[in-house]
Amino acid sequence: MVSLRDGDLERYVRSAEGPEHRGIDFKRLDPAEKRRLRQLLRERATVIRANLEAKSEQEEFRPDDFAIVQGDATQTLESSRRCSV
């Protein structure tokens, strides 16, 4: 889970997401913003991969397309296509 709170990453993601908040549409950003968002996403992906590698031998199961949304109800989100950064 990645929580976006303040900062450049949150700002760019909010600028690039559509009205239904289901994904990032890079067409909503100017070229400099696209580059910066891609850079920020790569940095987060590097941190996530580094932390997953250390735990790769653990026997954990996480089903594909599983997510939890905080709020009044817990629900499973629909799958989305992979975003290449």
PDB file of N, CA and C in Angstrom:
ATOM      1  N   MET A   1       0.844  -1.163   0.000  1.00  0.00           N
ATOM      2  CA  MET A   1       0.000   0.000   0.000  1.00  0.00           C
ATOM      3  C   MET A   1       0.893   1.231   0.000  1.00  0.00           C
ATOM      4  N   VAL A   2       0.529   2.181  -0.793  1.00  0.00           N
ATOM      5  CA  VAL A   2       1.244   3.448  -0.841  1.00  0.00           C
ATOM      6  C   VAL A   2       0.259   4.542  -0.465  1.00  0.00           C
ATOM      7  N   SER A   3       0.621   5.318   0.514  1.00  0.00           N
ATOM      8  CA  SER A   3      -0.234   6.422   0.953  1.00  0.00           C
ATOM      9  C   SER A   3       0.376   7.727   0.472  1.00  0.00           C
ATOM     10  N   LEU A   4      -0.412   8.498  -0.235  1.00  0.00           N
ATOM     11  CA  LEU A   4       0.052   9.789  -0.735  1.00  0.00           C
ATOM     12  C   LEU A   4      -0.440  10.876   0.193  1.00  0.00           C
ATOM     13  N   ARG A   5       0.482  11.546   0.827  1.00  0.00           N
ATOM     14  CA  ARG A   5       0.115  12.650   1.723  1.00  0.00           C
ATOM     15  C   ARG A   5       1.058  13.805   1.466  1.00  0.00           C
ATOM     16  N   ASP A   6       0.509  14.838   0.920  1.00  0.00           N
ATOM     17  CA  ASP A   6       1.281  16.056   0.647  1.00  0.00           C
ATOM     18  C   ASP A   6       2.428  15.775  -0.320  1.00  0.00           C
ATOM     19  N   GLY A   7       3.142  16.772  -0.671  1.00  0.00           N
ATOM     20  CA  GLY A   7       4.321  16.627  -1.499  1.00  0.00           C
ATOM     21  C   GLY A   7       4.027  16.534  -2.982  1.00  0.00           C
ATOM     22  N   ASP A   8       5.103  16.468  -3.758  1.00  0.00           N
ATOM     23  CA  ASP A   8       5.011  16.452  -5.213  1.00  0.00           C
ATOM     24  C   ASP A   8       4.258  15.235  -5.746  1.00  0.00           C
ATOM     25  N   LEU A   9       4.528  14.054  -5.190  1.00  0.00           N
ATOM     26  CA  LEU A   9       3.877  12.854  -5.720  1.00  0.00           C
ATOM     27  C   LEU A   9       2.363  12.978  -5.626  1.00  0.00           C
ATOM     28  N   GLU A  10       1.866  13.379  -4.484  1.00  0.00           N
ATOM     29  CA  GLU A  10       0.407  13.538  -4.342  1.00  0.00           C
ATOM     30  C   GLU A  10      -0.122  14.586  -5.323  1.00  0.00           C
ATOM     31  N   ARG A  11       0.568  15.677  -5.442  1.00  0.00           N
ATOM     32  CA  ARG A  11       0.107  16.761  -6.328  1.00  0.00           C
ATOM     33  C   ARG A  11       0.024  16.296  -7.774  1.00  0.00           C
ATOM     34  N   TYR A  12       1.073  15.601  -8.255  1.00  0.00           N
ATOM     35  CA  TYR A  12       1.069  15.150  -9.643  1.00  0.00           C
ATOM     36  C   TYR A  12       0.049  14.040  -9.886  1.00  0.00           C
ATOM     37  N   VAL A  13      -0.079  13.138  -8.938  1.00  0.00           N
ATOM     38  CA  VAL A  13      -1.074  12.070  -9.097  1.00  0.00           C
ATOM     39  C   VAL A  13      -2.472  12.677  -9.144  1.00  0.00           C
ATOM     40  N   ARG A  14      -2.761  13.594  -8.257  1.00  0.00           N
ATOM     41  CA  ARG A  14      -4.088  14.234  -8.251  1.00  0.00           C
ATOM     42  C   ARG A  14      -4.344  14.998  -9.548  1.00  0.00           C
ATOM     43  N   SER A  15      -3.314  15.623 -10.093  1.00  0.00           N
ATOM     44  CA  SER A  15      -3.472  16.348 -11.358  1.00  0.00           C
ATOM     45  C   SER A  15      -3.699  15.402 -12.530  1.00  0.00           C
ATOM     46  N   ALA A  16      -3.133  14.197 -12.449  1.00  0.00           N
ATOM     47  CA  ALA A  16      -3.198  13.257 -13.566  1.00  0.00           C
ATOM     48  C   ALA A  16      -4.355  12.268 -13.480  1.00  0.00           C
ATOM     49  N   GLU A  17      -4.969  12.133 -12.303  1.00  0.00           N
ATOM     50  CA  GLU A  17      -6.041  11.147 -12.190  1.00  0.00           C
ATOM     51  C   GLU A  17      -7.321  11.680 -12.813  1.00  0.00           C
ATOM     52  N   GLY A  18      -8.133  10.758 -13.277  1.00  0.00           N
ATOM     53  CA  GLY A  18      -9.400  11.130 -13.887  1.00  0.00           C
ATOM     54  C   GLY A  18     -10.461  11.427 -12.852  1.00  0.00           C
ATOM     55  N   PRO A  19     -11.658  11.767 -13.308  1.00  0.00           N
ATOM     56  CA  PRO A  19     -12.735  12.141 -12.389  1.00  0.00           C
ATOM     57  C   PRO A  19     -13.196  10.991 -11.489  1.00  0.00           C
ATOM     58  N   GLU A  20     -12.960   9.754 -11.891  1.00  0.00           N
ATOM     59  CA  GLU A  20     -13.367   8.605 -11.074  1.00  0.00           C
ATOM     60  C   GLU A  20     -12.237   8.109 -10.180  1.00  0.00           C
ATOM     61  N   HIS A  21     -11.065   8.737 -10.258  1.00  0.00           N
ATOM     62  CA  HIS A  21      -9.916   8.407  -9.407  1.00  0.00           C
ATOM     63  C   HIS A  21      -9.499   6.940  -9.551  1.00  0.00           C
ATOM     64  N   ARG A  22      -9.508   6.434 -10.779  1.00  0.00           N
ATOM     65  CA  ARG A  22      -9.188   5.023 -11.022  1.00  0.00           C
ATOM     66  C   ARG A  22      -7.809   4.816 -11.615  1.00  0.00           C
ATOM     67  N   GLY A  23      -7.129   5.850 -11.955  1.00  0.00           N
ATOM     68  CA  GLY A  23      -5.810   5.673 -12.551  1.00  0.00           C
ATOM     69  C   GLY A  23      -5.210   7.012 -12.932  1.00  0.00           C
ATOM     70  N   ILE A  24      -4.012   6.933 -13.455  1.00  0.00           N
ATOM     71  CA  ILE A  24      -3.272   8.129 -13.846  1.00  0.00           C
ATOM     72  C   ILE A  24      -3.339   8.270 -15.358  1.00  0.00           C
ATOM     73  N   ASP A  25      -3.691   9.445 -15.829  1.00  0.00           N
ATOM     74  CA  ASP A  25      -3.719   9.757 -17.258  1.00  0.00           C
ATOM     75  C   ASP A  25      -2.648  10.812 -17.511  1.00  0.00           C
ATOM     76  N   PHE A  26      -1.523  10.376 -18.045  1.00  0.00           N
ATOM     77  CA  PHE A  26      -0.398  11.294 -18.249  1.00  0.00           C
ATOM     78  C   PHE A  26      -0.736  12.417 -19.224  1.00  0.00           C
ATOM     79  N   LYS A  27      -1.787  12.254 -20.026  1.00  0.00           N
ATOM     80  CA  LYS A  27      -2.176  13.301 -20.967  1.00  0.00           C
ATOM     81  C   LYS A  27      -2.659  14.556 -20.250  1.00  0.00           C
ATOM     82  N   ARG A  28      -3.001  14.434 -18.995  1.00  0.00           N
ATOM     83  CA  ARG A  28      -3.479  15.578 -18.229  1.00  0.00           C
ATOM     84  C   ARG A  28      -2.326  16.472 -17.744  1.00  0.00           C
ATOM     85  N   LEU A  29      -1.093  16.035 -17.952  1.00  0.00           N
ATOM     86  CA  LEU A  29       0.079  16.770 -17.459  1.00  0.00           C
ATOM     87  C   LEU A  29       0.883  17.350 -18.604  1.00  0.00           C
ATOM     88  N   ASP A  30       1.585  18.433 -18.336  1.00  0.00           N
ATOM     89  CA  ASP A  30       2.498  18.974 -19.348  1.00  0.00           C
ATOM     90  C   ASP A  30       3.779  18.128 -19.323  1.00  0.00           C
ATOM     91  N   PRO A  31       4.629  18.242 -20.336  1.00  0.00           N
ATOM     92  CA  PRO A  31       5.818  17.382 -20.423  1.00  0.00           C
ATOM     93  C   PRO A  31       6.713  17.396 -19.179  1.00  0.00           C
ATOM     94  N   ALA A  32       6.934  18.553 -18.581  1.00  0.00           N
ATOM     95  CA  ALA A  32       7.787  18.616 -17.386  1.00  0.00           C
ATOM     96  C   ALA A  32       7.135  17.880 -16.226  1.00  0.00           C
ATOM     97  N   GLU A  33       5.821  18.013 -16.071  1.00  0.00           N
ATOM     98  CA  GLU A  33       5.108  17.309 -15.006  1.00  0.00           C
ATOM     99  C   GLU A  33       5.138  15.799 -15.222  1.00  0.00           C
ATOM    100  N   LYS A  34       4.995  15.366 -16.483  1.00  0.00           N
ATOM    101  CA  LYS A  34       5.073  13.929 -16.797  1.00  0.00           C
ATOM    102  C   LYS A  34       6.420  13.356 -16.385  1.00  0.00           C
ATOM    103  N   ARG A  35       7.488  14.060 -16.749  1.00  0.00           N
ATOM    104  CA  ARG A  35       8.834  13.591 -16.392  1.00  0.00           C
ATOM    105  C   ARG A  35       8.995  13.496 -14.878  1.00  0.00           C
ATOM    106  N   ARG A  36       8.544  14.513 -14.172  1.00  0.00           N
ATOM    107  CA  ARG A  36       8.687  14.522 -12.711  1.00  0.00           C
ATOM    108  C   ARG A  36       7.861  13.416 -12.062  1.00  0.00           C
ATOM    109  N   LEU A  37       6.629  13.211 -12.535  1.00  0.00           N
ATOM    110  CA  LEU A  37       5.795  12.143 -11.981  1.00  0.00           C
ATOM    111  C   LEU A  37       6.425  10.786 -12.240  1.00  0.00           C
ATOM    112  N   ARG A  38       6.926  10.559 -13.434  1.00  0.00           N
ATOM    113  CA  ARG A  38       7.587   9.278 -13.739  1.00  0.00           C
ATOM    114  C   ARG A  38       8.798   9.067 -12.827  1.00  0.00           C
ATOM    115  N   GLN A  39       9.566  10.132 -12.606  1.00  0.00           N
ATOM    116  CA  GLN A  39      10.729  10.040 -11.725  1.00  0.00           C
ATOM    117  C   GLN A  39      10.297   9.673 -10.304  1.00  0.00           C
ATOM    118  N   LEU A  40       9.272  10.327  -9.796  1.00  0.00           N
ATOM    119  CA  LEU A  40       8.783  10.044  -8.445  1.00  0.00           C
ATOM    120  C   LEU A  40       8.246   8.620  -8.330  1.00  0.00           C
ATOM    121  N   LEU A  41       7.537   8.148  -9.350  1.00  0.00           N
ATOM    122  CA  LEU A  41       7.015   6.778  -9.334  1.00  0.00           C
ATOM    123  C   LEU A  41       8.146   5.756  -9.386  1.00  0.00           C
ATOM    124  N   ARG A  42       9.178   6.043 -10.185  1.00  0.00           N
ATOM    125  CA  ARG A  42      10.346   5.144 -10.228  1.00  0.00           C
ATOM    126  C   ARG A  42      11.015   5.058  -8.867  1.00  0.00           C
ATOM    127  N   GLU A  43      11.157   6.204  -8.200  1.00  0.00           N
ATOM    128  CA  GLU A  43      11.773   6.222  -6.867  1.00  0.00           C
ATOM    129  C   GLU A  43      10.969   5.368  -5.896  1.00  0.00           C
ATOM    130  N   ARG A  44       9.643   5.495  -5.915  1.00  0.00           N
ATOM    131  CA  ARG A  44       8.794   4.690  -5.014  1.00  0.00           C
ATOM    132  C   ARG A  44       8.885   3.217  -5.363  1.00  0.00           C
ATOM    133  N   ALA A  45       8.903   2.905  -6.653  1.00  0.00           N
ATOM    134  CA  ALA A  45       8.998   1.508  -7.091  1.00  0.00           C
ATOM    135  C   ALA A  45      10.310   0.888  -6.626  1.00  0.00           C
ATOM    136  N   THR A  46      11.394   1.651  -6.675  1.00  0.00           N
ATOM    137  CA  THR A  46      12.696   1.162  -6.213  1.00  0.00           C
ATOM    138  C   THR A  46      12.649   0.821  -4.726  1.00  0.00           C
ATOM    139  N   VAL A  47      12.051   1.693  -3.935  1.00  0.00           N
ATOM    140  CA  VAL A  47      11.932   1.450  -2.494  1.00  0.00           C
ATOM    141  C   VAL A  47      11.070   0.213  -2.234  1.00  0.00           C
ATOM    142  N   ILE A  48       9.959   0.094  -2.935  1.00  0.00           N
ATOM    143  CA  ILE A  48       9.068  -1.056  -2.744  1.00  0.00           C
ATOM    144  C   ILE A  48       9.780  -2.348  -3.117  1.00  0.00           C
ATOM    145  N   ARG A  49      10.449  -2.359  -4.282  1.00  0.00           N
ATOM    146  CA  ARG A  49      11.172  -3.578  -4.704  1.00  0.00           C
ATOM    147  C   ARG A  49      12.254  -3.965  -3.704  1.00  0.00           C
ATOM    148  N   ALA A  50      12.979  -2.981  -3.205  1.00  0.00           N
ATOM    149  CA  ALA A  50      14.047  -3.263  -2.234  1.00  0.00           C
ATOM    150  C   ALA A  50      13.476  -3.899  -0.976  1.00  0.00           C
ATOM    151  N   ASN A  51      12.337  -3.438  -0.538  1.00  0.00           N
ATOM    152  CA  ASN A  51      11.718  -3.997   0.658  1.00  0.00           C
ATOM    153  C   ASN A  51      11.094  -5.362   0.393  1.00  0.00           C
ATOM    154  N   LEU A  52      10.606  -5.595  -0.797  1.00  0.00           N
ATOM    155  CA  LEU A  52      10.022  -6.898  -1.127  1.00  0.00           C
ATOM    156  C   LEU A  52      11.096  -7.958  -1.274  1.00  0.00           C
ATOM    157  N   GLU A  53      12.240  -7.596  -1.822  1.00  0.00           N
ATOM    158  CA  GLU A  53      13.316  -8.563  -1.995  1.00  0.00           C
ATOM    159  C   GLU A  53      13.752  -9.134  -0.657  1.00  0.00           C
ATOM    160  N   ALA A  54      13.784  -8.317   0.363  1.00  0.00           N
ATOM    161  CA  ALA A  54      14.202  -8.775   1.686  1.00  0.00           C
ATOM    162  C   ALA A  54      13.211  -9.765   2.280  1.00  0.00           C
ATOM    163  N   LYS A  55      11.979  -9.728   1.837  1.00  0.00           N
ATOM    164  CA  LYS A  55      10.940 -10.593   2.383  1.00  0.00           C
ATOM    165  C   LYS A  55      10.467 -11.637   1.386  1.00  0.00           C
ATOM    166  N   SER A  56      11.170 -11.806   0.286  1.00  0.00           N
ATOM    167  CA  SER A  56      10.702 -12.684  -0.782  1.00  0.00           C
ATOM    168  C   SER A  56      10.631 -14.148  -0.377  1.00  0.00           C
ATOM    169  N   GLU A  57      11.345 -14.543   0.653  1.00  0.00           N
ATOM    170  CA  GLU A  57      11.318 -15.938   1.076  1.00  0.00           C
ATOM    171  C   GLU A  57      10.181 -16.240   2.040  1.00  0.00           C
ATOM    172  N   GLN A  58       9.482 -15.255   2.488  1.00  0.00           N
ATOM    173  CA  GLN A  58       8.354 -15.484   3.382  1.00  0.00           C
ATOM    174  C   GLN A  58       7.206 -16.099   2.597  1.00  0.00           C
ATOM    175  N   GLU A  59       6.475 -16.965   3.248  1.00  0.00           N
ATOM    176  CA  GLU A  59       5.340 -17.605   2.597  1.00  0.00           C
ATOM    177  C   GLU A  59       4.085 -16.790   2.875  1.00  0.00           C
ATOM    178  N   GLU A  60       3.857 -15.823   2.046  1.00  0.00           N
ATOM    179  CA  GLU A  60       2.664 -14.994   2.165  1.00  0.00           C
ATOM    180  C   GLU A  60       1.884 -15.105   0.867  1.00  0.00           C
ATOM    181  N   PHE A  61       0.599 -14.991   0.978  1.00  0.00           N
ATOM    182  CA  PHE A  61      -0.242 -15.028  -0.215  1.00  0.00           C
ATOM    183  C   PHE A  61      -1.066 -13.759  -0.292  1.00  0.00           C
ATOM    184  N   ARG A  62      -0.928 -13.073  -1.383  1.00  0.00           N
ATOM    185  CA  ARG A  62      -1.764 -11.910  -1.656  1.00  0.00           C
ATOM    186  C   ARG A  62      -2.408 -12.122  -3.016  1.00  0.00           C
ATOM    187  N   PRO A  63      -3.704 -12.303  -3.056  1.00  0.00           N
ATOM    188  CA  PRO A  63      -4.356 -12.537  -4.350  1.00  0.00           C
ATOM    189  C   PRO A  63      -4.211 -11.334  -5.274  1.00  0.00           C
ATOM    190  N   ASP A  64      -4.186 -11.605  -6.574  1.00  0.00           N
ATOM    191  CA  ASP A  64      -4.139 -10.526  -7.566  1.00  0.00           C
ATOM    192  C   ASP A  64      -5.355  -9.628  -7.384  1.00  0.00           C
ATOM    193  N   ASP A  65      -5.173  -8.361  -7.654  1.00  0.00           N
ATOM    194  CA  ASP A  65      -6.252  -7.371  -7.636  1.00  0.00           C
ATOM    195  C   ASP A  65      -6.880  -7.180  -6.258  1.00  0.00           C
ATOM    196  N   PHE A  66      -6.138  -7.413  -5.204  1.00  0.00           N
ATOM    197  CA  PHE A  66      -6.675  -7.236  -3.863  1.00  0.00           C
ATOM    198  C   PHE A  66      -6.287  -5.864  -3.329  1.00  0.00           C
ATOM    199  N   ALA A  67      -7.254  -5.167  -2.794  1.00  0.00           N
ATOM    200  CA  ALA A  67      -6.978  -3.863  -2.195  1.00  0.00           C
ATOM    201  C   ALA A  67      -8.033  -3.578  -1.145  1.00  0.00           C
ATOM    202  N   ILE A  68      -7.669  -2.777  -0.163  1.00  0.00           N
ATOM    203  CA  ILE A  68      -8.609  -2.359   0.873  1.00  0.00           C
ATOM    204  C   ILE A  68      -8.672  -0.844   0.857  1.00  0.00           C
ATOM    205  N   VAL A  69      -9.868  -0.331   0.886  1.00  0.00           N
ATOM    206  CA  VAL A  69     -10.080   1.108   0.903  1.00  0.00           C
ATOM    207  C   VAL A  69     -10.586   1.489   2.281  1.00  0.00           C
ATOM    208  N   GLN A  70      -9.928   2.449   2.903  1.00  0.00           N
ATOM    209  CA  GLN A  70     -10.384   2.903   4.217  1.00  0.00           C
ATOM    210  C   GLN A  70     -11.649   3.731   4.058  1.00  0.00           C
ATOM    211  N   GLY A  71     -12.512   3.627   5.013  1.00  0.00           N
ATOM    212  CA  GLY A  71     -13.754   4.399   4.987  1.00  0.00           C
ATOM    213  C   GLY A  71     -14.838   3.644   5.716  1.00  0.00           C
ATOM    214  N   ASP A  72     -16.061   3.949   5.372  1.00  0.00           N
ATOM    215  CA  ASP A  72     -17.192   3.306   6.026  1.00  0.00           C
ATOM    216  C   ASP A  72     -17.310   1.829   5.667  1.00  0.00           C
ATOM    217  N   ALA A  73     -16.809   1.456   4.513  1.00  0.00           N
ATOM    218  CA  ALA A  73     -16.923   0.062   4.070  1.00  0.00           C
ATOM    219  C   ALA A  73     -15.593  -0.400   3.518  1.00  0.00           C
ATOM    220  N   THR A  74     -15.320  -1.674   3.641  1.00  0.00           N
ATOM    221  CA  THR A  74     -14.142  -2.283   3.045  1.00  0.00           C
ATOM    222  C   THR A  74     -14.607  -2.984   1.771  1.00  0.00           C
ATOM    223  N   GLN A  75     -13.885  -2.755   0.700  1.00  0.00           N
ATOM    224  CA  GLN A  75     -14.315  -3.338  -0.563  1.00  0.00           C
ATOM    225  C   GLN A  75     -13.111  -3.743  -1.399  1.00  0.00           C
ATOM    226  N   THR A  76     -13.339  -4.643  -2.320  1.00  0.00           N
ATOM    227  CA  THR A  76     -12.302  -5.053  -3.251  1.00  0.00           C
ATOM    228  C   THR A  76     -12.372  -4.150  -4.470  1.00  0.00           C
ATOM    229  N   LEU A  77     -11.237  -3.628  -4.880  1.00  0.00           N
ATOM    230  CA  LEU A  77     -11.198  -2.755  -6.044  1.00  0.00           C
ATOM    231  C   LEU A  77     -11.090  -3.566  -7.312  1.00  0.00           C
ATOM    232  N   GLU A  78     -11.558  -2.988  -8.399  1.00  0.00           N
ATOM    233  CA  GLU A  78     -11.434  -3.668  -9.682  1.00  0.00           C
ATOM    234  C   GLU A  78      -9.983  -3.623 -10.155  1.00  0.00           C
ATOM    235  N   SER A  79      -9.609  -4.552 -10.993  1.00  0.00           N
ATOM    236  CA  SER A  79      -8.234  -4.574 -11.484  1.00  0.00           C
ATOM    237  C   SER A  79      -8.001  -3.437 -12.469  1.00  0.00           C
ATOM    238  N   SER A  80      -6.753  -3.070 -12.629  1.00  0.00           N
ATOM    239  CA  SER A  80      -6.403  -2.041 -13.591  1.00  0.00           C
ATOM    240  C   SER A  80      -5.143  -2.476 -14.300  1.00  0.00           C
ATOM    241  N   ARG A  81      -4.905  -1.910 -15.450  1.00  0.00           N
ATOM    242  CA  ARG A  81      -3.722  -2.327 -16.209  1.00  0.00           C
ATOM    243  C   ARG A  81      -2.471  -1.770 -15.553  1.00  0.00           C
ATOM    244  N   ARG A  82      -1.366  -2.433 -15.803  1.00  0.00           N
ATOM    245  CA  ARG A  82      -0.098  -2.040 -15.201  1.00  0.00           C
ATOM    246  C   ARG A  82       0.374  -0.742 -15.841  1.00  0.00           C
ATOM    247  N   CYS A  83       0.862   0.164 -15.034  1.00  0.00           N
ATOM    248  CA  CYS A  83       1.379   1.450 -15.493  1.00  0.00           C
ATOM    249  C   CYS A  83       2.889   1.333 -15.620  1.00  0.00           C
ATOM    250  N   SER A  84       3.411   1.519 -16.811  1.00  0.00           N
ATOM    251  CA  SER A  84       4.863   1.476 -16.978  1.00  0.00           C
ATOM    252  C   SER A  84       5.440   2.845 -16.684  1.00  0.00           C
ATOM    253  N   VAL A  85       6.443   2.855 -15.812  1.00  0.00           N
ATOM    254  CA  VAL A  85       7.065   4.140 -15.440  1.00  0.00           C
ATOM    255  C   VAL A  85       8.474   4.208 -15.925  1.00  0.00           C
TER     256      VAL A  85
END
